[in-house]
Protein backbone atom coordinates (compact mmCIF):
# COMPACT_ATOMS: atom_id res chain seq x y z
CA UNK A 1 4.47 4.61 0.20
CA UNK A 2 6.69 3.37 -3.03
CA UNK A 3 5.28 0.46 -5.35
CA UNK A 4 7.97 0.35 -7.46
CA UNK A 5 7.36 -1.88 -10.67
CA UNK A 6 9.66 -2.55 -13.82
CA UNK A 7 8.43 -4.20 -17.69
CA UNK A 8 8.71 -7.86 -17.37
CA UNK A 9 11.54 -7.32 -20.89
CA UNK A 10 13.32 -5.70 -18.13
CA UNK A 11 13.33 -7.62 -14.61
CA UNK A 12 13.96 -11.18 -17.50
CA UNK A 13 17.50 -8.88 -18.40
CA UNK A 14 18.21 -8.18 -14.79
CA UNK A 15 17.78 -12.38 -13.74
CA UNK A 16 19.25 -12.93 -17.28
CA UNK A 17 22.68 -11.61 -16.07
CA UNK A 18 22.22 -12.68 -11.86
CA UNK A 19 22.30 -16.28 -13.17
CA UNK A 20 24.88 -15.75 -15.90
CA UNK A 21 26.99 -13.71 -13.11
CA UNK A 22 25.80 -16.70 -10.92
CA UNK A 23 26.88 -19.58 -13.10
CA UNK A 24 23.40 -20.42 -14.04
CA UNK A 25 22.97 -21.57 -17.19
CA UNK A 26 19.45 -20.67 -18.66
CA UNK A 27 18.46 -19.00 -21.93
CA UNK A 28 16.36 -15.02 -21.86
CA UNK A 29 13.94 -17.24 -23.38
CA UNK A 30 13.56 -19.24 -20.18
CA UNK A 31 14.22 -16.21 -17.78
CA UNK A 32 11.07 -13.86 -19.26
CA UNK A 33 8.84 -17.22 -19.41
CA UNK A 34 9.54 -17.63 -15.85
CA UNK A 35 9.07 -13.84 -14.75
CA UNK A 36 5.92 -13.83 -16.19
CA UNK A 37 3.99 -16.62 -14.50
CA UNK A 38 5.54 -15.48 -11.18
CA UNK A 39 3.89 -12.50 -12.30
CA UNK A 40 1.04 -13.08 -13.09
CA UNK A 41 0.76 -15.49 -10.05
CA UNK A 42 1.38 -12.67 -8.16
CA UNK A 43 -0.79 -10.02 -9.28
CA UNK A 44 -3.97 -13.14 -9.51
CA UNK A 45 -4.21 -14.46 -6.64
CA UNK A 46 -7.55 -13.80 -4.95
CA UNK A 47 -5.47 -14.17 -1.16
CA UNK A 48 -3.10 -10.28 -1.21
CA UNK A 49 -2.42 -10.13 -4.70
CA UNK A 50 0.34 -7.34 -6.04
CA UNK A 51 -0.48 -4.23 -6.50
CA UNK A 52 -0.21 -1.07 -5.75
CA UNK A 53 -2.19 0.36 -3.39
CA UNK A 54 -4.31 3.45 -3.54
CA UNK A 55 -2.08 5.43 -1.89
CA UNK A 56 1.07 4.60 -3.37
CA UNK A 57 3.70 6.46 -5.27
CA UNK A 58 4.93 4.38 -8.48
CA UNK A 59 8.15 4.99 -9.80
CA UNK A 60 9.31 2.79 -12.66
CA UNK A 61 13.09 1.67 -12.55
CA UNK A 62 12.85 -0.73 -15.87
CA UNK A 63 15.17 2.60 -17.20
CA UNK A 64 16.90 3.62 -13.71
CA UNK A 65 19.84 2.14 -11.74
CA UNK A 66 19.97 1.30 -8.65
CA UNK A 67 21.84 4.90 -7.34
CA UNK A 68 18.69 6.74 -9.43
CA UNK A 69 16.69 4.84 -7.46
CA UNK A 70 17.37 6.15 -4.94
CA UNK A 71 17.55 9.12 -5.96
CA UNK A 72 13.73 9.58 -6.65
CA UNK A 73 12.96 8.07 -3.55
CA UNK A 74 15.24 10.57 -1.90
CA UNK A 75 13.80 13.30 -3.68
CA UNK A 76 10.26 12.23 -2.83
CA UNK A 77 10.20 12.26 0.79
CA UNK A 78 11.79 15.85 0.54
CA UNK A 79 9.29 15.85 -1.87
CA UNK A 80 6.57 15.00 0.88
CA UNK A 81 7.79 17.00 3.84
CA UNK A 82 8.00 19.74 2.16
CA UNK A 83 3.49 19.51 1.67
CA UNK A 84 3.65 18.72 4.77
CA UNK A 85 4.90 21.55 7.12
């Protein structure tokens, strides 16, 4: 299991860029506020809060592009296979 995460600021940067590419008008500050509120709701809800499972490997993708994330995940899988042999 992998718990994929990144900073709230980076999530807002990514969403803001997506909005710009799609022609959706918004400010970075609006997007950041929306991401912060969504994060709060998801992590504080009583039923099935979004939290890392005890046995999950934490992967922070804040400073990684998609190819680097995939590379890290493949590395974790290879390590897991080698330790279980």
